[in-house]
């Protein structure tokens, strides 16, 4: 099963994506984690990525698509994957569609975790305090949220048109959100 999670930063995408991956034996493909790991290794790729991550702006599509392609080629993604943080633009969605066709794979379901800007901001500031993440400053968070609403939120319509989008109210507890996700995943499993 191949799953994609959409939602603004702070919506719980990472938490839910990791839980789905663990519960269903799928590869977790978190672009933020992949990029932060590349920056931490401090090689050429990390040097190219650092300015984008530090400013909260989108990483160029060709760089992001290359990272995703490499990750989906890993053996652990063969049974399925959970994408978290990609695609973020219509161009990236088109690139993902093309990549999946090339790999003879499809997305089975897309979850859109819906939360207000206020909840996103509150959760991200809390995460910054608890985890000490340097890329979670108030200015960077505001930039990221504005970019999400301008560039990524319209992707919901793209996946709705494909008949695979499921909206999830993300302002509930982690377990309540996951229970709703599980119900939708069970329906997908029955249809497969």
N, C-alpha and C. Protein backbone atom coordinates (compact mmCIF):
# COMPACT_ATOMS: atom_id res chain seq x y z
N UNK A 1 0.84 -1.17 0.00
CA UNK A 1 0.00 0.00 0.00
C UNK A 1 0.89 1.24 0.00
N UNK A 2 0.55 2.21 -0.81
CA UNK A 2 1.31 3.45 -0.92
C UNK A 2 0.44 4.61 -0.47
N UNK A 3 0.93 5.35 0.53
CA UNK A 3 0.15 6.36 1.22
C UNK A 3 0.90 7.69 1.16
N UNK A 4 0.13 8.78 1.04
CA UNK A 4 0.69 10.13 1.07
C UNK A 4 -0.07 10.93 2.12
N UNK A 5 0.66 11.71 2.92
CA UNK A 5 0.03 12.61 3.88
C UNK A 5 0.30 14.04 3.49
N UNK A 6 -0.78 14.83 3.43
CA UNK A 6 -0.70 16.27 3.21
C UNK A 6 -1.18 16.97 4.48
N UNK A 7 -0.75 18.18 4.66
CA UNK A 7 -1.19 18.98 5.79
C UNK A 7 -0.12 19.99 6.12
N UNK A 8 -0.53 21.10 6.72
CA UNK A 8 0.47 22.11 7.07
C UNK A 8 1.44 21.60 8.13
N UNK A 9 2.58 22.26 8.24
CA UNK A 9 3.52 21.92 9.29
C UNK A 9 2.78 22.03 10.62
N UNK A 10 3.01 21.07 11.50
CA UNK A 10 2.34 21.07 12.79
C UNK A 10 1.01 20.35 12.78
N UNK A 11 0.62 19.77 11.65
CA UNK A 11 -0.66 19.08 11.57
C UNK A 11 -0.60 17.66 12.12
N UNK A 12 0.61 17.17 12.35
CA UNK A 12 0.78 15.80 12.84
C UNK A 12 1.13 14.81 11.75
N UNK A 13 1.49 15.31 10.56
CA UNK A 13 1.84 14.42 9.45
C UNK A 13 2.93 13.43 9.82
N UNK A 14 4.02 13.93 10.36
CA UNK A 14 5.14 13.06 10.70
C UNK A 14 4.77 12.01 11.72
N UNK A 15 4.07 12.42 12.76
CA UNK A 15 3.63 11.49 13.80
C UNK A 15 2.75 10.40 13.21
N UNK A 16 1.76 10.80 12.42
CA UNK A 16 0.83 9.82 11.85
C UNK A 16 1.51 8.97 10.77
N UNK A 17 2.38 9.58 9.96
CA UNK A 17 3.07 8.83 8.90
C UNK A 17 3.95 7.73 9.51
N UNK A 18 4.67 8.07 10.56
CA UNK A 18 5.54 7.07 11.22
C UNK A 18 4.69 5.97 11.85
N UNK A 19 3.56 6.34 12.40
CA UNK A 19 2.69 5.34 13.03
C UNK A 19 2.09 4.41 11.97
N UNK A 20 1.65 4.97 10.85
CA UNK A 20 1.12 4.15 9.75
C UNK A 20 2.21 3.18 9.27
N UNK A 21 3.41 3.72 9.04
CA UNK A 21 4.52 2.90 8.55
C UNK A 21 4.80 1.74 9.51
N UNK A 22 4.86 2.03 10.80
CA UNK A 22 5.14 1.00 11.78
C UNK A 22 4.02 -0.03 11.89
N UNK A 23 2.80 0.44 11.90
CA UNK A 23 1.64 -0.45 12.08
C UNK A 23 1.42 -1.36 10.87
N UNK A 24 1.71 -0.85 9.67
CA UNK A 24 1.41 -1.59 8.45
C UNK A 24 2.65 -2.13 7.73
N UNK A 25 3.83 -1.97 8.33
CA UNK A 25 5.05 -2.50 7.73
C UNK A 25 5.44 -1.81 6.43
N UNK A 26 5.22 -0.50 6.37
CA UNK A 26 5.54 0.28 5.18
C UNK A 26 6.79 1.13 5.43
N UNK A 27 7.48 1.49 4.37
CA UNK A 27 8.66 2.35 4.49
C UNK A 27 8.20 3.77 4.77
N UNK A 28 8.82 4.41 5.75
CA UNK A 28 8.54 5.82 6.04
C UNK A 28 9.47 6.66 5.18
N UNK A 29 8.89 7.54 4.37
CA UNK A 29 9.66 8.41 3.49
C UNK A 29 9.33 9.85 3.87
N UNK A 30 10.11 10.38 4.82
CA UNK A 30 9.91 11.75 5.30
C UNK A 30 10.96 12.64 4.70
N UNK A 31 10.55 13.53 3.80
CA UNK A 31 11.54 14.36 3.12
C UNK A 31 12.28 15.27 4.09
N UNK A 32 11.58 15.78 5.11
CA UNK A 32 12.26 16.63 6.09
C UNK A 32 13.38 15.87 6.78
N UNK A 33 13.10 14.64 7.20
CA UNK A 33 14.12 13.82 7.86
C UNK A 33 15.28 13.51 6.92
N UNK A 34 14.94 13.17 5.66
CA UNK A 34 15.98 12.86 4.67
C UNK A 34 16.88 14.08 4.47
N UNK A 35 16.26 15.26 4.35
CA UNK A 35 17.04 16.48 4.11
C UNK A 35 17.86 16.88 5.33
N UNK A 36 17.26 16.81 6.53
CA UNK A 36 18.02 17.16 7.74
C UNK A 36 19.20 16.21 7.93
N UNK A 37 19.02 14.92 7.59
CA UNK A 37 20.13 13.96 7.70
C UNK A 37 21.24 14.32 6.73
N UNK A 38 20.87 14.75 5.52
CA UNK A 38 21.88 15.15 4.53
C UNK A 38 22.65 16.38 5.01
N UNK A 39 21.94 17.34 5.63
CA UNK A 39 22.60 18.54 6.16
C UNK A 39 23.53 18.16 7.31
N UNK A 40 23.08 17.25 8.17
CA UNK A 40 23.90 16.81 9.32
C UNK A 40 25.18 16.12 8.87
N UNK A 41 25.11 15.39 7.73
CA UNK A 41 26.31 14.74 7.20
C UNK A 41 27.27 15.77 6.62
N UNK A 42 26.75 16.96 6.31
CA UNK A 42 27.56 18.12 5.90
C UNK A 42 28.37 17.90 4.64
N UNK A 43 27.89 17.07 3.72
CA UNK A 43 28.56 16.90 2.44
C UNK A 43 28.06 17.93 1.44
N UNK A 44 28.31 17.68 0.17
CA UNK A 44 27.89 18.61 -0.88
C UNK A 44 26.38 18.79 -0.90
N UNK A 45 25.64 17.69 -0.81
CA UNK A 45 24.19 17.77 -0.83
C UNK A 45 23.68 18.59 0.35
N UNK A 46 24.23 18.33 1.53
CA UNK A 46 23.83 19.09 2.72
C UNK A 46 24.09 20.57 2.57
N UNK A 47 25.20 20.89 1.94
CA UNK A 47 25.52 22.31 1.69
C UNK A 47 24.52 22.98 0.77
N UNK A 48 24.04 22.23 -0.22
CA UNK A 48 23.02 22.77 -1.13
C UNK A 48 21.68 22.93 -0.43
N UNK A 49 21.37 22.02 0.48
CA UNK A 49 20.06 22.03 1.16
C UNK A 49 19.97 23.04 2.29
N UNK A 50 21.07 23.26 3.01
CA UNK A 50 21.04 24.08 4.22
C UNK A 50 20.38 25.45 4.05
N UNK A 51 20.68 26.23 3.02
CA UNK A 51 20.05 27.56 2.92
C UNK A 51 18.53 27.49 2.81
N UNK A 52 18.03 26.47 2.14
CA UNK A 52 16.57 26.34 1.99
C UNK A 52 15.93 25.97 3.33
N UNK A 53 16.53 25.03 4.03
CA UNK A 53 15.97 24.60 5.32
C UNK A 53 16.05 25.73 6.34
N UNK A 54 17.15 26.46 6.36
CA UNK A 54 17.31 27.53 7.33
C UNK A 54 16.35 28.69 7.09
N UNK A 55 15.95 28.90 5.83
CA UNK A 55 15.06 30.03 5.53
C UNK A 55 13.59 29.64 5.47
N UNK A 56 13.31 28.32 5.44
CA UNK A 56 11.93 27.87 5.36
C UNK A 56 11.35 27.88 3.96
N UNK A 57 12.19 28.09 2.95
CA UNK A 57 11.71 28.11 1.57
C UNK A 57 11.83 26.70 0.98
N UNK A 58 11.11 26.49 -0.12
CA UNK A 58 11.09 25.18 -0.75
C UNK A 58 12.41 24.83 -1.40
N UNK A 59 12.82 23.59 -1.24
CA UNK A 59 14.01 23.06 -1.90
C UNK A 59 13.64 22.88 -3.38
N UNK A 60 14.55 23.19 -4.32
CA UNK A 60 14.24 23.02 -5.75
C UNK A 60 13.75 21.62 -6.07
N UNK A 61 12.78 21.55 -6.99
CA UNK A 61 12.14 20.29 -7.33
C UNK A 61 13.11 19.21 -7.76
N UNK A 62 14.08 19.56 -8.60
CA UNK A 62 14.98 18.53 -9.11
C UNK A 62 15.76 17.85 -7.98
N UNK A 63 16.13 18.63 -6.97
CA UNK A 63 16.85 18.09 -5.82
C UNK A 63 15.93 17.19 -4.99
N UNK A 64 14.72 17.66 -4.74
CA UNK A 64 13.76 16.89 -3.94
C UNK A 64 13.36 15.60 -4.65
N UNK A 65 13.06 15.68 -5.93
CA UNK A 65 12.64 14.50 -6.69
C UNK A 65 13.77 13.46 -6.71
N UNK A 66 15.01 13.90 -6.84
CA UNK A 66 16.14 12.97 -6.83
C UNK A 66 16.24 12.25 -5.48
N UNK A 67 16.02 12.98 -4.39
CA UNK A 67 16.04 12.36 -3.05
C UNK A 67 14.92 11.32 -2.92
N UNK A 68 13.74 11.65 -3.40
CA UNK A 68 12.60 10.74 -3.32
C UNK A 68 12.82 9.50 -4.19
N UNK A 69 13.32 9.72 -5.39
CA UNK A 69 13.60 8.58 -6.29
C UNK A 69 14.56 7.60 -5.62
N UNK A 70 15.64 8.12 -5.05
CA UNK A 70 16.61 7.26 -4.37
C UNK A 70 15.96 6.49 -3.23
N UNK A 71 15.10 7.18 -2.47
CA UNK A 71 14.46 6.53 -1.32
C UNK A 71 13.47 5.45 -1.75
N UNK A 72 12.69 5.71 -2.82
CA UNK A 72 11.72 4.72 -3.28
C UNK A 72 12.39 3.53 -3.96
N UNK A 73 13.67 3.69 -4.34
CA UNK A 73 14.44 2.56 -4.88
C UNK A 73 14.95 1.63 -3.79
N UNK A 74 14.94 2.09 -2.53
CA UNK A 74 15.39 1.24 -1.43
C UNK A 74 14.47 0.03 -1.29
N UNK A 75 15.06 -1.10 -0.96
CA UNK A 75 14.33 -2.36 -0.89
C UNK A 75 13.17 -2.33 0.10
N UNK A 76 13.31 -1.58 1.20
CA UNK A 76 12.26 -1.59 2.21
C UNK A 76 10.97 -0.91 1.74
N UNK A 77 11.02 -0.18 0.63
CA UNK A 77 9.81 0.47 0.13
C UNK A 77 9.02 -0.42 -0.84
N UNK A 78 9.54 -1.59 -1.15
CA UNK A 78 8.85 -2.49 -2.08
C UNK A 78 7.45 -2.87 -1.63
N UNK A 79 7.24 -3.23 -0.33
CA UNK A 79 5.88 -3.58 0.09
C UNK A 79 4.94 -2.36 0.13
N UNK A 80 5.50 -1.19 0.15
CA UNK A 80 4.71 0.04 0.19
C UNK A 80 5.44 1.11 0.97
N UNK A 81 4.91 2.32 0.90
CA UNK A 81 5.57 3.45 1.54
C UNK A 81 4.54 4.45 2.04
N UNK A 82 5.01 5.30 2.94
CA UNK A 82 4.23 6.43 3.43
C UNK A 82 5.06 7.67 3.16
N UNK A 83 4.55 8.54 2.29
CA UNK A 83 5.23 9.79 1.95
C UNK A 83 4.78 10.90 2.90
N UNK A 84 5.74 11.60 3.48
CA UNK A 84 5.49 12.69 4.40
C UNK A 84 6.34 13.88 3.98
N UNK A 85 5.70 14.93 3.50
CA UNK A 85 6.44 16.14 3.15
C UNK A 85 6.74 16.28 1.67
N UNK A 86 6.22 15.42 0.86
CA UNK A 86 6.40 15.48 -0.59
C UNK A 86 5.20 14.81 -1.23
N UNK A 87 4.61 15.42 -2.22
CA UNK A 87 4.96 16.65 -2.91
C UNK A 87 4.46 17.89 -2.16
N UNK A 88 5.08 19.02 -2.48
CA UNK A 88 4.68 20.30 -1.87
C UNK A 88 4.21 21.32 -2.90
N UNK A 89 4.37 21.01 -4.16
CA UNK A 89 3.91 21.91 -5.23
C UNK A 89 3.25 21.07 -6.32
N UNK A 90 2.50 21.73 -7.20
CA UNK A 90 1.87 21.01 -8.30
C UNK A 90 2.93 20.39 -9.21
N UNK A 91 4.03 21.10 -9.42
CA UNK A 91 5.11 20.54 -10.25
C UNK A 91 5.67 19.27 -9.61
N UNK A 92 5.81 19.27 -8.28
CA UNK A 92 6.29 18.07 -7.60
C UNK A 92 5.26 16.94 -7.67
N UNK A 93 3.97 17.28 -7.59
CA UNK A 93 2.92 16.26 -7.72
C UNK A 93 2.98 15.62 -9.10
N UNK A 94 3.17 16.45 -10.12
CA UNK A 94 3.31 15.91 -11.48
C UNK A 94 4.56 15.03 -11.59
N UNK A 95 5.66 15.48 -10.97
CA UNK A 95 6.90 14.69 -10.99
C UNK A 95 6.71 13.37 -10.24
N UNK A 96 5.97 13.41 -9.12
CA UNK A 96 5.70 12.17 -8.38
C UNK A 96 4.83 11.24 -9.21
N UNK A 97 3.80 11.77 -9.86
CA UNK A 97 2.96 10.94 -10.73
C UNK A 97 3.80 10.25 -11.80
N UNK A 98 4.71 11.01 -12.43
CA UNK A 98 5.58 10.45 -13.47
C UNK A 98 6.53 9.41 -12.89
N UNK A 99 7.11 9.71 -11.72
CA UNK A 99 8.03 8.77 -11.07
C UNK A 99 7.31 7.47 -10.73
N UNK A 100 6.10 7.57 -10.19
CA UNK A 100 5.36 6.36 -9.83
C UNK A 100 4.99 5.54 -11.06
N UNK A 101 4.62 6.22 -12.16
CA UNK A 101 4.35 5.49 -13.40
C UNK A 101 5.60 4.75 -13.86
N UNK A 102 6.74 5.43 -13.79
CA UNK A 102 8.01 4.82 -14.19
C UNK A 102 8.33 3.60 -13.33
N UNK A 103 7.99 3.67 -12.03
CA UNK A 103 8.25 2.57 -11.11
C UNK A 103 7.12 1.55 -11.09
N UNK A 104 6.10 1.78 -11.92
CA UNK A 104 4.91 0.92 -11.99
C UNK A 104 4.22 0.79 -10.63
N UNK A 105 4.03 1.94 -10.00
CA UNK A 105 3.38 2.01 -8.69
C UNK A 105 2.32 3.11 -8.73
N UNK A 106 1.42 3.08 -7.77
CA UNK A 106 0.39 4.12 -7.67
C UNK A 106 0.22 4.49 -6.20
N UNK A 107 -0.36 5.66 -5.99
CA UNK A 107 -0.79 6.03 -4.64
C UNK A 107 -2.15 5.39 -4.41
N UNK A 108 -2.32 4.76 -3.26
CA UNK A 108 -3.59 4.13 -2.93
C UNK A 108 -4.52 5.09 -2.20
N UNK A 109 -3.93 5.97 -1.38
CA UNK A 109 -4.74 6.91 -0.60
C UNK A 109 -3.89 8.12 -0.22
N UNK A 110 -4.54 9.27 -0.17
CA UNK A 110 -3.89 10.52 0.26
C UNK A 110 -4.72 11.07 1.41
N UNK A 111 -4.06 11.28 2.56
CA UNK A 111 -4.72 11.88 3.71
C UNK A 111 -4.36 13.36 3.77
N UNK A 112 -5.37 14.19 3.98
CA UNK A 112 -5.14 15.62 4.20
C UNK A 112 -5.48 15.90 5.66
N UNK A 113 -4.45 16.13 6.48
CA UNK A 113 -4.65 16.45 7.89
C UNK A 113 -4.96 17.94 7.99
N UNK A 114 -6.17 18.23 8.46
CA UNK A 114 -6.67 19.60 8.46
C UNK A 114 -6.60 20.19 9.86
N UNK A 115 -5.82 21.26 10.00
CA UNK A 115 -5.71 22.00 11.26
C UNK A 115 -5.66 23.49 10.96
N UNK A 116 -6.04 24.29 11.93
CA UNK A 116 -6.01 25.75 11.76
C UNK A 116 -4.57 26.25 11.83
N UNK A 117 -4.37 27.46 11.33
CA UNK A 117 -3.04 28.09 11.39
C UNK A 117 -2.60 28.25 12.84
N UNK A 118 -3.55 28.60 13.72
CA UNK A 118 -3.22 28.81 15.13
C UNK A 118 -2.72 27.52 15.77
N UNK A 119 -3.36 26.41 15.47
CA UNK A 119 -2.94 25.12 16.03
C UNK A 119 -1.57 24.74 15.47
N UNK A 120 -1.36 24.94 14.17
CA UNK A 120 -0.05 24.64 13.58
C UNK A 120 1.05 25.44 14.28
N UNK A 121 0.81 26.74 14.42
CA UNK A 121 1.80 27.62 15.03
C UNK A 121 2.10 27.19 16.47
N UNK A 122 1.07 26.91 17.24
CA UNK A 122 1.24 26.49 18.62
C UNK A 122 2.05 25.19 18.71
N UNK A 123 1.71 24.22 17.87
CA UNK A 123 2.42 22.94 17.89
C UNK A 123 3.87 23.09 17.47
N UNK A 124 4.13 23.92 16.45
CA UNK A 124 5.50 24.09 15.98
C UNK A 124 6.38 24.81 17.00
N UNK A 125 5.82 25.81 17.66
CA UNK A 125 6.59 26.51 18.69
C UNK A 125 6.89 25.58 19.86
N UNK A 126 5.94 24.73 20.21
CA UNK A 126 6.16 23.74 21.28
C UNK A 126 7.26 22.77 20.86
N UNK A 127 7.22 22.30 19.60
CA UNK A 127 8.24 21.38 19.10
C UNK A 127 9.62 22.04 19.14
N UNK A 128 9.68 23.31 18.76
CA UNK A 128 10.96 24.02 18.77
C UNK A 128 11.54 24.06 20.18
N UNK A 129 10.69 24.32 21.16
CA UNK A 129 11.16 24.35 22.56
C UNK A 129 11.62 22.97 23.02
N UNK A 130 10.82 21.95 22.71
CA UNK A 130 11.11 20.61 23.21
C UNK A 130 12.27 19.93 22.51
N UNK A 131 12.39 20.15 21.20
CA UNK A 131 13.41 19.44 20.41
C UNK A 131 14.61 20.30 20.07
N UNK A 132 14.52 21.60 20.34
CA UNK A 132 15.62 22.50 20.03
C UNK A 132 15.93 22.59 18.55
N UNK A 133 14.90 22.49 17.71
CA UNK A 133 15.12 22.54 16.27
C UNK A 133 15.36 23.97 15.81
N UNK A 134 16.53 24.19 15.24
CA UNK A 134 16.91 25.55 14.81
C UNK A 134 16.08 26.04 13.64
N UNK A 135 15.43 25.11 12.91
CA UNK A 135 14.63 25.54 11.76
C UNK A 135 13.19 25.85 12.15
N UNK A 136 12.87 25.87 13.44
CA UNK A 136 11.53 26.19 13.92
C UNK A 136 11.49 27.53 14.65
N UNK A 137 12.03 28.57 14.04
CA UNK A 137 11.91 29.91 14.61
C UNK A 137 10.56 30.50 14.18
N UNK A 138 10.01 31.47 14.92
CA UNK A 138 8.71 32.05 14.54
C UNK A 138 8.68 32.58 13.10
N UNK A 139 9.73 33.26 12.66
CA UNK A 139 9.74 33.80 11.29
C UNK A 139 9.74 32.69 10.25
N UNK A 140 10.55 31.64 10.49
CA UNK A 140 10.61 30.52 9.55
C UNK A 140 9.27 29.77 9.54
N UNK A 141 8.66 29.61 10.70
CA UNK A 141 7.36 28.94 10.78
C UNK A 141 6.32 29.71 9.97
N UNK A 142 6.28 31.02 10.14
CA UNK A 142 5.32 31.85 9.38
C UNK A 142 5.55 31.70 7.87
N UNK A 143 6.82 31.70 7.46
CA UNK A 143 7.16 31.54 6.05
C UNK A 143 6.69 30.18 5.55
N UNK A 144 6.96 29.13 6.34
CA UNK A 144 6.56 27.78 5.94
C UNK A 144 5.05 27.65 5.81
N UNK A 145 4.32 28.19 6.77
CA UNK A 145 2.86 28.08 6.73
C UNK A 145 2.29 28.84 5.54
N UNK A 146 2.82 30.03 5.27
CA UNK A 146 2.36 30.81 4.11
C UNK A 146 2.65 30.06 2.82
N UNK A 147 3.84 29.46 2.74
CA UNK A 147 4.21 28.68 1.56
C UNK A 147 3.29 27.48 1.41
N UNK A 148 2.99 26.80 2.52
CA UNK A 148 2.10 25.65 2.45
C UNK A 148 0.74 26.05 1.87
N UNK A 149 0.16 27.09 2.41
CA UNK A 149 -1.19 27.48 1.96
C UNK A 149 -1.20 27.97 0.51
N UNK A 150 -0.11 28.56 0.08
CA UNK A 150 -0.02 29.04 -1.30
C UNK A 150 0.31 27.92 -2.27
N UNK A 151 1.26 27.05 -1.93
CA UNK A 151 1.80 26.07 -2.86
C UNK A 151 1.26 24.65 -2.70
N UNK A 152 1.04 24.22 -1.45
CA UNK A 152 0.73 22.81 -1.20
C UNK A 152 -0.75 22.54 -1.02
N UNK A 153 -1.46 23.41 -0.34
CA UNK A 153 -2.89 23.18 -0.09
C UNK A 153 -3.65 22.88 -1.38
N UNK A 154 -3.35 23.54 -2.52
CA UNK A 154 -4.08 23.22 -3.76
C UNK A 154 -3.91 21.77 -4.24
N UNK A 155 -2.92 21.04 -3.74
CA UNK A 155 -2.74 19.65 -4.16
C UNK A 155 -3.91 18.77 -3.73
N UNK A 156 -4.62 19.20 -2.70
CA UNK A 156 -5.78 18.41 -2.26
C UNK A 156 -6.75 18.21 -3.41
N UNK A 157 -6.96 19.23 -4.19
CA UNK A 157 -7.89 19.12 -5.32
C UNK A 157 -7.37 18.15 -6.37
N UNK A 158 -6.06 18.14 -6.59
CA UNK A 158 -5.43 17.22 -7.54
C UNK A 158 -5.75 15.77 -7.16
N UNK A 159 -5.59 15.46 -5.88
CA UNK A 159 -5.83 14.08 -5.43
C UNK A 159 -7.32 13.79 -5.24
N UNK A 160 -8.11 14.82 -4.93
CA UNK A 160 -9.56 14.63 -4.87
C UNK A 160 -10.08 14.22 -6.25
N UNK A 161 -9.55 14.85 -7.29
CA UNK A 161 -9.97 14.54 -8.67
C UNK A 161 -9.62 13.10 -9.03
N UNK A 162 -8.58 12.55 -8.41
CA UNK A 162 -8.19 11.15 -8.65
C UNK A 162 -9.01 10.18 -7.80
N UNK A 163 -9.82 10.72 -6.90
CA UNK A 163 -10.67 9.88 -6.05
C UNK A 163 -9.95 9.20 -4.91
N UNK A 164 -8.79 9.74 -4.50
CA UNK A 164 -8.01 9.07 -3.45
C UNK A 164 -7.77 9.96 -2.22
N UNK A 165 -8.38 11.14 -2.16
CA UNK A 165 -8.16 12.06 -1.04
C UNK A 165 -9.16 11.78 0.08
N UNK A 166 -8.66 11.72 1.31
CA UNK A 166 -9.49 11.58 2.50
C UNK A 166 -9.10 12.70 3.47
N UNK A 167 -10.04 13.57 3.79
CA UNK A 167 -9.80 14.63 4.76
C UNK A 167 -9.89 14.09 6.18
N UNK A 168 -8.95 14.51 7.03
CA UNK A 168 -8.90 14.07 8.42
C UNK A 168 -8.83 15.31 9.31
N UNK A 169 -9.73 15.40 10.28
CA UNK A 169 -9.70 16.51 11.24
C UNK A 169 -8.53 16.28 12.18
N UNK A 170 -7.48 17.06 12.04
CA UNK A 170 -6.23 16.82 12.75
C UNK A 170 -6.09 17.48 14.10
N UNK A 171 -7.12 18.16 14.58
CA UNK A 171 -7.00 18.86 15.86
C UNK A 171 -7.44 18.02 17.04
N UNK A 172 -7.64 16.73 16.82
CA UNK A 172 -8.01 15.81 17.90
C UNK A 172 -6.75 15.14 18.44
N UNK A 173 -6.94 14.21 19.36
CA UNK A 173 -5.77 13.52 19.93
C UNK A 173 -5.11 12.66 18.86
N UNK A 174 -3.87 12.33 19.09
CA UNK A 174 -3.11 11.48 18.16
C UNK A 174 -3.86 10.16 17.93
N UNK A 175 -4.37 9.56 18.99
CA UNK A 175 -5.06 8.28 18.85
C UNK A 175 -6.38 8.42 18.09
N UNK A 176 -7.10 9.50 18.30
CA UNK A 176 -8.36 9.71 17.57
C UNK A 176 -8.10 9.89 16.08
N UNK A 177 -7.07 10.66 15.76
CA UNK A 177 -6.71 10.87 14.35
C UNK A 177 -6.30 9.53 13.73
N UNK A 178 -5.48 8.77 14.44
CA UNK A 178 -5.02 7.50 13.90
C UNK A 178 -6.16 6.51 13.70
N UNK A 179 -7.14 6.51 14.61
CA UNK A 179 -8.29 5.61 14.47
C UNK A 179 -9.04 5.90 13.17
N UNK A 180 -9.20 7.19 12.84
CA UNK A 180 -9.87 7.54 11.59
C UNK A 180 -9.04 7.13 10.37
N UNK A 181 -7.73 7.30 10.48
CA UNK A 181 -6.83 6.88 9.40
C UNK A 181 -6.93 5.37 9.20
N UNK A 182 -6.93 4.61 10.28
CA UNK A 182 -7.03 3.16 10.18
C UNK A 182 -8.31 2.72 9.48
N UNK A 183 -9.42 3.37 9.81
CA UNK A 183 -10.69 3.03 9.15
C UNK A 183 -10.57 3.21 7.64
N UNK A 184 -9.97 4.32 7.22
CA UNK A 184 -9.81 4.57 5.78
C UNK A 184 -8.86 3.57 5.15
N UNK A 185 -7.78 3.22 5.84
CA UNK A 185 -6.83 2.25 5.30
C UNK A 185 -7.46 0.86 5.17
N UNK A 186 -8.31 0.50 6.10
CA UNK A 186 -9.00 -0.78 6.01
C UNK A 186 -9.92 -0.83 4.79
N UNK A 187 -10.57 0.29 4.49
CA UNK A 187 -11.42 0.35 3.30
C UNK A 187 -10.59 0.21 2.03
N UNK A 188 -9.41 0.83 2.01
CA UNK A 188 -8.52 0.71 0.85
C UNK A 188 -8.07 -0.74 0.69
N UNK A 189 -7.73 -1.40 1.80
CA UNK A 189 -7.28 -2.80 1.75
C UNK A 189 -8.36 -3.70 1.17
N UNK A 190 -9.60 -3.44 1.52
CA UNK A 190 -10.71 -4.25 1.02
C UNK A 190 -10.87 -4.06 -0.49
N UNK A 191 -10.67 -2.83 -0.97
CA UNK A 191 -10.82 -2.52 -2.42
C UNK A 191 -9.69 -3.09 -3.24
N UNK A 192 -8.54 -3.35 -2.65
CA UNK A 192 -7.35 -3.79 -3.40
C UNK A 192 -7.46 -5.20 -3.87
